[in-house]
Protein backbone atom coordinates (compact mmCIF):
# COMPACT_ATOMS: atom_id res chain seq x y z
CA MET A 1 -4.62 20.77 48.06
CA ALA A 2 -0.84 20.94 48.05
CA GLU A 3 0.56 23.10 50.84
CA LYS A 4 3.59 25.30 50.14
CA ILE A 5 6.48 25.09 52.53
CA ALA A 6 9.63 27.23 52.38
CA ARG A 7 12.72 25.13 52.34
CA LYS A 8 16.37 26.25 52.21
CA PRO A 9 18.75 23.99 50.36
CA LYS A 10 22.42 23.92 51.22
CA ASN A 11 24.35 26.78 49.69
CA GLY A 12 21.32 27.96 47.79
CA PRO A 13 18.16 30.08 47.83
CA ARG A 14 14.92 29.24 49.55
CA ILE A 15 12.56 27.20 47.41
CA ALA A 16 8.92 26.20 47.51
CA SER A 17 8.09 22.49 47.65
CA ALA A 18 4.69 20.93 47.08
CA THR A 19 3.68 18.62 49.88
CA TYR A 20 0.66 16.35 49.90
CA ARG A 21 -0.35 16.62 53.55
CA ASP A 22 -3.77 15.04 53.02
CA VAL A 23 -2.12 11.76 52.09
CA LYS A 24 1.03 12.14 54.27
CA GLU A 25 3.65 12.33 51.54
CA GLU A 26 6.14 14.89 50.51
CA ILE A 27 8.02 15.66 47.33
CA ASP A 28 9.70 18.78 45.97
CA ASP A 29 7.81 19.69 42.78
CA ILE A 30 5.73 22.28 40.99
CA ASP A 31 2.78 23.67 42.96
CA GLU A 32 0.25 22.26 40.48
CA SER A 33 -2.63 24.28 41.95
CA SER A 34 -0.91 27.44 40.66
CA GLU A 35 -0.48 26.15 37.10
CA VAL A 36 -3.02 27.67 34.72
CA ILE A 37 -3.96 25.74 31.56
CA PRO A 38 -4.66 28.15 28.67
CA TYR A 39 -8.25 27.66 27.54
CA ARG A 40 -8.32 26.66 23.87
CA TYR A 41 -11.42 24.48 23.61
CA SER A 42 -14.80 24.67 21.96
CA ILE A 43 -17.46 23.37 24.33
CA THR A 44 -21.23 23.05 24.06
CA TYR A 45 -23.51 22.24 26.97
CA TYR A 46 -27.19 21.81 27.52
CA GLY A 47 -29.60 20.88 30.32
CA ALA A 48 -31.62 17.73 30.72
CA ASP A 49 -34.11 16.57 33.39
CA TYR A 50 -33.92 12.89 34.36
CA PRO A 51 -36.38 10.95 36.45
CA VAL A 52 -34.63 9.13 39.29
CA ASP A 53 -35.56 5.60 38.08
CA GLY A 54 -34.25 6.49 34.60
CA LEU A 55 -30.88 7.58 36.05
CA VAL A 56 -30.58 4.33 37.99
CA LYS A 57 -31.41 2.25 34.88
CA ARG A 58 -28.78 4.12 32.88
CA LEU A 59 -26.21 3.59 35.64
CA ASN A 60 -26.93 -0.15 35.79
CA ALA A 61 -26.68 -0.38 32.00
CA HIS A 62 -23.37 1.58 32.01
CA ASN A 63 -24.87 4.22 29.77
CA ILE A 64 -23.92 6.66 32.54
CA ILE A 65 -20.47 5.89 33.88
CA VAL A 66 -19.11 6.80 37.25
CA PRO A 67 -15.35 6.75 36.48
CA THR A 68 -12.63 5.48 38.76
CA PHE A 69 -9.55 7.49 39.70
CA ASP A 70 -7.85 4.30 40.89
CA PRO A 71 -5.63 2.64 38.26
CA GLU A 72 -6.02 -0.72 39.99
CA THR A 73 -9.80 -0.70 39.35
CA ASP A 74 -10.61 -1.95 35.86
CA GLY A 75 -13.76 -1.96 33.80
CA GLU A 76 -16.18 0.66 32.53
CA GLY A 77 -19.10 1.45 34.74
CA THR A 78 -17.35 0.52 37.92
CA VAL A 79 -17.97 2.75 40.91
CA GLU A 80 -15.59 1.13 43.42
CA GLY A 81 -12.65 3.45 43.01
CA PHE A 82 -14.29 6.83 42.52
CA GLN A 83 -12.46 9.47 44.62
CA ARG A 84 -10.59 6.66 46.31
CA HIS A 85 -13.76 5.59 48.23
CA PHE A 86 -17.42 6.38 48.71
CA LEU A 87 -17.38 9.45 50.95
CA TRP A 88 -20.91 9.83 52.22
CA GLU A 89 -21.90 8.59 55.61
CA LYS A 90 -25.14 6.58 55.93
CA THR A 91 -26.96 9.57 57.42
CA GLN A 92 -26.14 11.68 54.35
CA CYS A 93 -27.48 8.91 52.12
CA ASP A 94 -30.68 8.69 54.12
CA ARG A 95 -31.22 12.46 54.06
CA PHE A 96 -30.70 12.68 50.29
CA VAL A 97 -33.26 9.96 49.59
CA GLU A 98 -35.67 11.62 52.08
CA SER A 99 -35.26 14.98 50.29
CA LEU A 100 -36.47 13.37 47.07
CA LEU A 101 -39.37 11.66 48.83
CA LEU A 102 -40.40 15.04 50.29
CA GLY A 103 -40.22 16.75 46.93
CA LEU A 104 -37.39 19.06 47.96
CA PRO A 105 -34.99 20.44 45.35
CA VAL A 106 -31.60 18.74 45.13
CA PRO A 107 -28.34 19.92 43.48
CA GLU A 108 -27.88 19.27 39.76
CA ILE A 109 -25.31 16.81 38.41
CA PHE A 110 -22.70 17.37 35.67
CA LEU A 111 -22.15 14.83 32.91
CA ALA A 112 -19.76 14.76 29.96
CA GLU A 113 -20.88 13.28 26.70
CA GLN A 114 -18.34 10.92 25.22
CA SER A 115 -17.77 10.10 21.54
CA ASN A 116 -19.48 6.69 22.02
CA GLY A 117 -22.62 8.38 23.37
CA ARG A 118 -22.12 7.37 26.99
CA LEU A 119 -22.18 9.98 29.75
CA LEU A 120 -19.29 10.38 32.18
CA VAL A 121 -20.11 11.69 35.65
CA LEU A 122 -18.12 14.85 36.38
CA ASP A 123 -19.95 15.82 39.54
CA GLY A 124 -22.73 14.16 41.46
CA GLN A 125 -21.20 10.70 42.00
CA GLN A 126 -22.18 10.51 45.69
CA ARG A 127 -25.82 11.24 44.90
CA LEU A 128 -25.97 8.83 42.01
CA ARG A 129 -24.24 6.03 43.89
CA THR A 130 -26.64 6.58 46.81
CA LEU A 131 -29.64 6.16 44.50
CA GLN A 132 -28.08 3.14 42.83
CA ALA A 133 -27.51 1.54 46.26
CA PHE A 134 -31.00 2.35 47.54
CA TYR A 135 -32.70 0.80 44.48
CA LYS A 136 -30.43 -2.26 44.79
CA GLY A 137 -31.23 -2.52 48.53
CA ALA A 138 -27.63 -2.68 49.73
CA LEU A 139 -25.09 -0.12 50.87
CA ARG A 140 -21.51 -1.21 51.70
CA GLY A 141 -22.64 -4.83 51.96
CA GLN A 142 -25.52 -4.12 54.36
CA GLU A 143 -29.27 -3.77 53.70
CA PHE A 144 -30.09 -0.17 52.84
CA ILE A 145 -32.95 0.80 55.17
CA LEU A 146 -33.70 4.41 55.85
CA ALA A 147 -32.98 5.40 59.48
CA ARG A 148 -32.56 9.05 60.42
CA VAL A 149 -35.57 10.32 58.51
CA GLN A 150 -39.20 11.22 59.19
CA ASP A 151 -41.32 8.54 60.88
CA GLU A 152 -43.29 7.67 57.72
CA TYR A 153 -40.07 6.65 55.89
CA ARG A 154 -38.10 5.18 58.81
CA ASN A 155 -37.10 1.50 58.50
CA ARG A 156 -38.19 1.48 54.83
CA SER A 157 -36.20 0.10 51.97
CA TYR A 158 -36.97 0.88 48.33
CA GLN A 159 -38.98 -2.36 48.06
CA THR A 160 -40.99 -1.70 51.26
CA LEU A 161 -41.89 1.94 50.51
CA ASP A 162 -45.60 2.57 50.06
CA ILE A 163 -46.47 2.43 46.34
CA ARG A 164 -47.26 6.13 46.39
CA ASP A 165 -43.84 7.02 47.93
CA ARG A 166 -42.03 4.67 45.58
CA THR A 167 -43.72 6.27 42.59
CA ARG A 168 -42.91 9.77 43.87
CA LEU A 169 -39.20 8.75 44.17
CA ASP A 170 -39.17 7.12 40.71
CA GLU A 171 -40.62 10.24 39.12
CA SER A 172 -38.53 12.79 41.07
CA ILE A 173 -36.50 14.92 38.71
CA ILE A 174 -32.75 15.58 38.93
CA HIS A 175 -31.45 18.25 36.57
CA ALA A 176 -28.23 17.54 34.69
CA THR A 177 -25.87 19.84 32.77
CA ILE A 178 -24.30 17.83 29.92
CA VAL A 179 -21.07 19.12 28.39
CA ARG A 180 -19.52 18.07 25.09
CA GLN A 181 -16.14 19.10 23.73
CA GLU A 182 -16.45 19.96 20.06
CA GLU A 183 -12.85 20.96 19.31
CA PRO A 184 -10.37 19.40 19.37
CA SER A 185 -12.52 16.31 19.10
CA ASP A 186 -9.72 13.86 19.93
CA ASP A 187 -8.69 15.60 23.20
CA GLN A 188 -10.22 15.72 26.67
CA GLY A 189 -8.65 19.02 27.76
CA SER A 190 -11.85 20.78 28.58
CA ILE A 191 -13.20 17.81 30.53
CA TYR A 192 -9.95 17.78 32.55
CA LEU A 193 -10.51 21.44 33.44
CA ILE A 194 -14.11 20.83 34.51
CA PHE A 195 -13.07 17.86 36.66
CA GLU A 196 -10.36 20.00 38.26
CA ARG A 197 -12.69 22.88 39.04
CA LEU A 198 -15.73 20.87 40.15
CA ASN A 199 -13.57 18.88 42.55
CA SER A 200 -11.83 21.87 44.11
CA GLY A 201 -13.38 21.32 47.49
CA GLY A 202 -13.51 18.44 49.95
CA THR A 203 -11.21 15.59 48.96
CA THR A 204 -9.16 17.17 46.21
CA LEU A 205 -8.36 15.13 43.14
CA HIS A 206 -4.73 15.24 42.09
CA PRO A 207 -3.78 15.55 38.41
CA GLN A 208 -2.81 11.96 37.78
CA GLU A 209 -6.02 10.69 39.36
CA ILE A 210 -7.99 12.77 36.84
CA ARG A 211 -5.83 11.46 33.98
CA VAL A 212 -6.59 7.89 35.07
CA ALA A 213 -10.31 8.63 34.74
CA LEU A 214 -10.11 10.47 31.45
CA TYR A 215 -7.44 8.55 29.55
CA ARG A 216 -8.18 5.08 30.80
CA GLY A 217 -6.55 2.47 28.54
CA ARG A 218 -3.44 0.36 28.08
CA PHE A 219 -1.09 3.22 29.05
CA VAL A 220 -2.72 3.60 32.46
CA LYS A 221 -2.27 -0.13 33.11
CA LEU A 222 1.36 -0.01 31.97
CA LEU A 223 2.13 2.89 34.29
CA ARG A 224 0.64 0.91 37.18
CA GLU A 225 2.78 -2.10 36.29
CA LEU A 226 5.99 -0.08 35.92
CA ASN A 227 5.34 1.54 39.29
CA GLU A 228 5.91 -1.88 40.88
CA ARG A 229 9.45 -2.28 39.55
CA GLU A 230 11.86 -2.89 42.45
CA SER A 231 14.57 -0.47 41.36
CA TRP A 232 12.00 2.32 40.88
CA ARG A 233 10.48 1.72 44.30
CA LYS A 234 13.92 1.97 45.91
CA LEU A 235 14.63 5.24 44.09
CA TYR A 236 11.23 6.85 44.72
CA GLY A 237 10.32 5.43 48.12
CA ALA A 238 6.88 4.50 49.48
CA LYS A 239 3.95 4.37 47.10
CA SER A 240 2.09 7.56 46.51
CA HIS A 241 -1.60 7.65 47.47
CA CYS A 242 -2.25 10.45 45.03
CA LEU A 243 -0.41 8.62 42.17
CA LYS A 244 2.51 11.11 42.09
CA ASP A 245 4.94 8.27 41.50
CA GLN A 246 2.98 7.15 38.41
CA GLU A 247 2.77 10.75 37.25
CA LEU A 248 6.57 11.03 37.36
CA ILE A 249 6.95 7.87 35.27
CA LEU A 250 4.58 9.53 32.74
CA ARG A 251 6.67 12.69 32.99
CA PHE A 252 9.87 10.75 32.24
CA PHE A 253 8.39 9.28 29.06
CA ALA A 254 6.90 12.59 27.96
CA LEU A 255 10.18 14.50 28.44
CA PHE A 256 12.30 11.69 26.94
CA TYR A 257 10.31 11.62 23.71
CA LYS A 258 9.06 15.23 23.45
CA GLY A 259 11.22 17.27 25.78
CA GLU A 260 12.52 19.42 22.92
CA ASN A 261 8.93 20.48 22.24
CA TYR A 262 7.99 21.07 25.86
CA GLN A 263 5.63 23.97 26.51
CA GLU A 264 4.28 24.97 29.89
CA PRO A 265 2.20 24.31 31.90
CA MET A 266 3.55 20.88 32.79
CA LYS A 267 0.17 19.35 33.57
CA GLU A 268 -1.22 20.18 30.12
CA PHE A 269 1.99 18.81 28.53
CA LEU A 270 1.39 15.51 30.40
CA ASN A 271 -2.31 15.50 29.55
CA CYS A 272 -1.50 15.73 25.83
CA PHE A 273 1.10 12.99 25.96
CA MET A 274 -1.24 10.72 27.96
CA GLY A 275 -4.06 11.32 25.49
CA GLU A 276 -1.91 10.67 22.43
CA ASN A 277 -0.72 7.37 23.89
CA LYS A 278 -3.86 6.27 25.67
CA ASP A 279 -3.78 2.80 24.11
CA LEU A 280 -0.07 2.75 23.33
CA GLN A 281 -0.76 3.67 19.72
CA ARG A 282 2.47 5.72 19.43
CA LYS A 283 4.87 3.70 21.64
CA SER A 284 4.69 -0.03 22.33
CA ALA A 285 4.54 -1.53 25.81
CA ASN A 286 7.77 -3.44 25.23
CA GLU A 287 9.65 -0.30 24.20
CA LEU A 288 8.43 1.66 27.22
CA GLN A 289 9.11 -1.24 29.61
CA ASP A 290 12.64 -1.73 28.29
CA LEU A 291 13.47 2.01 28.41
CA PHE A 292 12.12 2.56 31.93
CA GLY A 293 13.54 -0.65 33.35
CA LYS A 294 17.09 -0.19 32.09
CA THR A 295 17.15 3.46 33.11
CA CYS A 296 15.98 2.78 36.71
CA ASP A 297 18.39 -0.16 37.09
CA VAL A 298 21.42 1.93 35.97
CA VAL A 299 20.45 4.92 38.15
CA LEU A 300 20.06 2.72 41.24
CA ASP A 301 23.20 0.68 40.57
CA CYS A 302 25.47 3.65 39.78
CA LEU A 303 23.95 6.59 41.66
CA GLY A 304 22.18 4.90 44.54
CA LYS A 305 18.88 5.46 46.36
CA LYS A 306 19.48 9.17 46.87
CA ALA A 307 19.99 9.92 43.18
CA PHE A 308 16.97 12.24 43.02
CA LYS A 309 17.39 14.04 46.32
CA LEU A 310 18.87 17.43 47.02
CA GLU A 311 18.07 17.07 50.69
CA SER A 312 15.76 14.61 52.42
CA VAL A 313 13.00 14.23 49.85
CA VAL A 314 12.80 13.39 46.16
CA ASN A 315 13.03 16.47 43.92
CA ALA A 316 10.85 15.89 40.86
CA ALA A 317 12.88 18.19 38.63
CA VAL A 318 16.09 16.32 39.54
CA LEU A 319 14.26 13.07 38.94
CA ASP A 320 12.93 13.91 35.48
CA SER A 321 16.23 15.36 34.24
CA ILE A 322 18.50 12.59 35.57
CA MET A 323 16.19 9.87 34.26
CA VAL A 324 16.12 11.49 30.80
CA GLY A 325 19.86 12.14 30.84
CA VAL A 326 20.74 8.58 31.73
CA ALA A 327 18.15 7.15 29.27
CA LYS A 328 19.59 9.26 26.44
CA ARG A 329 23.08 8.06 27.34
CA LEU A 330 21.92 4.40 27.25
CA GLU A 331 20.16 5.01 23.95
CA SER A 332 23.26 6.42 22.25
CA GLY A 333 26.10 4.58 23.98
CA GLY A 334 24.76 1.28 25.28
CA GLN A 335 25.74 -0.21 28.62
CA VAL A 336 27.57 2.01 31.14
CA ARG A 337 30.95 0.45 31.90
CA GLU A 338 32.50 3.12 34.03
CA LYS A 339 30.14 3.50 36.99
CA GLU A 340 32.47 5.82 38.88
CA ARG A 341 32.49 8.27 36.00
CA LEU A 342 28.69 8.31 35.95
CA ARG A 343 28.71 9.10 39.69
CA GLU A 344 31.21 11.91 39.10
CA ALA A 345 29.03 13.33 36.29
CA HIS A 346 26.03 13.21 38.64
CA GLU A 347 27.94 15.10 41.37
CA LEU A 348 29.16 17.71 38.90
CA LEU A 349 25.61 18.14 37.59
CA LEU A 350 24.17 18.76 41.05
CA ARG A 351 26.91 21.36 41.76
CA ASN A 352 26.23 23.20 38.47
CA ASP A 353 24.70 26.59 39.37
CA GLN A 354 22.59 26.75 36.19
CA TYR A 355 21.25 23.24 36.82
CA HIS A 356 20.59 24.03 40.50
CA ASP A 357 18.52 27.07 39.55
CA ALA A 358 16.53 24.94 37.05
CA VAL A 359 15.52 22.39 39.70
CA VAL A 360 14.70 24.60 42.71
CA ARG A 361 12.50 27.42 41.41
CA SER A 362 9.82 27.77 38.72
CA THR A 363 10.63 24.23 37.66
CA GLY A 364 7.70 24.02 35.22
CA ASP A 365 8.87 27.01 33.18
CA GLU A 366 9.84 26.12 29.62
CA SER A 367 13.33 27.55 29.92
CA LYS A 368 14.00 25.72 33.21
CA VAL A 369 12.81 22.36 31.90
CA LYS A 370 14.85 22.60 28.74
CA THR A 371 17.92 23.83 30.62
CA ARG A 372 18.01 20.99 33.08
CA LEU A 373 17.34 18.38 30.42
CA ARG A 374 20.14 19.76 28.23
CA LEU A 375 22.62 19.87 31.11
CA ALA A 376 21.76 16.34 32.28
CA ILE A 377 22.02 14.91 28.78
CA ASP A 378 25.33 16.71 28.24
CA HIS A 379 26.89 15.58 31.54
CA PHE A 380 25.97 11.92 31.12
CA SER A 381 26.75 11.73 27.42
CA LYS A 382 30.51 11.98 28.22
CA VAL A 383 30.47 8.75 30.24
CA SER A 384 31.61 5.59 28.44
């Protein structure tokens, strides 16, 4: 979870910056854990009991999908990228299988019913992947043989279990709660909320990782590709392990096209934009590539590597407003000929008290977002 650290900018008030200590990266931005998404969804849910062998068959047939939160992992049904990696140690896997063999109760799983009838795993991925691996006979490339268990099961694989034990495992029941969003039918907002809440402990999922799982499509792939652009990497810095850099590319597009209609909280605003453009049905890949590429190149060429920094780290509010301001200038006036005037406009913007207030506190508030976008667009629009 993001840790809040007090930071005092030069000639200004103390601000709170979100830092991602678990992945050793830091960026000044909204504390996303404090953003509350207003609940406006109609959800139904019901319980179902699945025999273990039936769950494994559904997993292998991709009727139950363990999603990936890694944009570099493609393909439905894959389990390689879930929560960055498979978290359970071998002992945990052994003990879970043993619990089922002993007839002990195990925690339920949560599944989301998709429009195509498939079930998306919201919670329970470690248990399901353990079962899938045990039935396959291999875990992390090695033969899956039970070790730290009772004597009667030790050194047994699924294939070498006594027929009685194998049948008991096959017929063991795991309870599932299955949720389905009824309204709005074309959105995944409620599923996002459930993901966020079910994964509140352990290795916390960050907002863009959840979006990658829920809104997987051509837009996710495009964001991954744009994230490799050399000028962007020089402006942002090292790649983000929690996909914050890709989230900020998404944020740039969302504010460029829909900034006038922005409503807080920021993460719901981004969720909606991502869902609407999942397969680039609203904006083409060529249009987005051209817009992002030209903007990054001009910012780097004219304003330099520290264009988005108030102090030592990138400030996300400065980043989104400057990117939008420069992009709007390019859209209306074409190529920037007077680089020095753009630099002067940048310096004046950063010294503007109203702008400074909009990028250092409550930066997700509707008034702050619209203020900094307006000021950035106004400052850069005067440059020829």
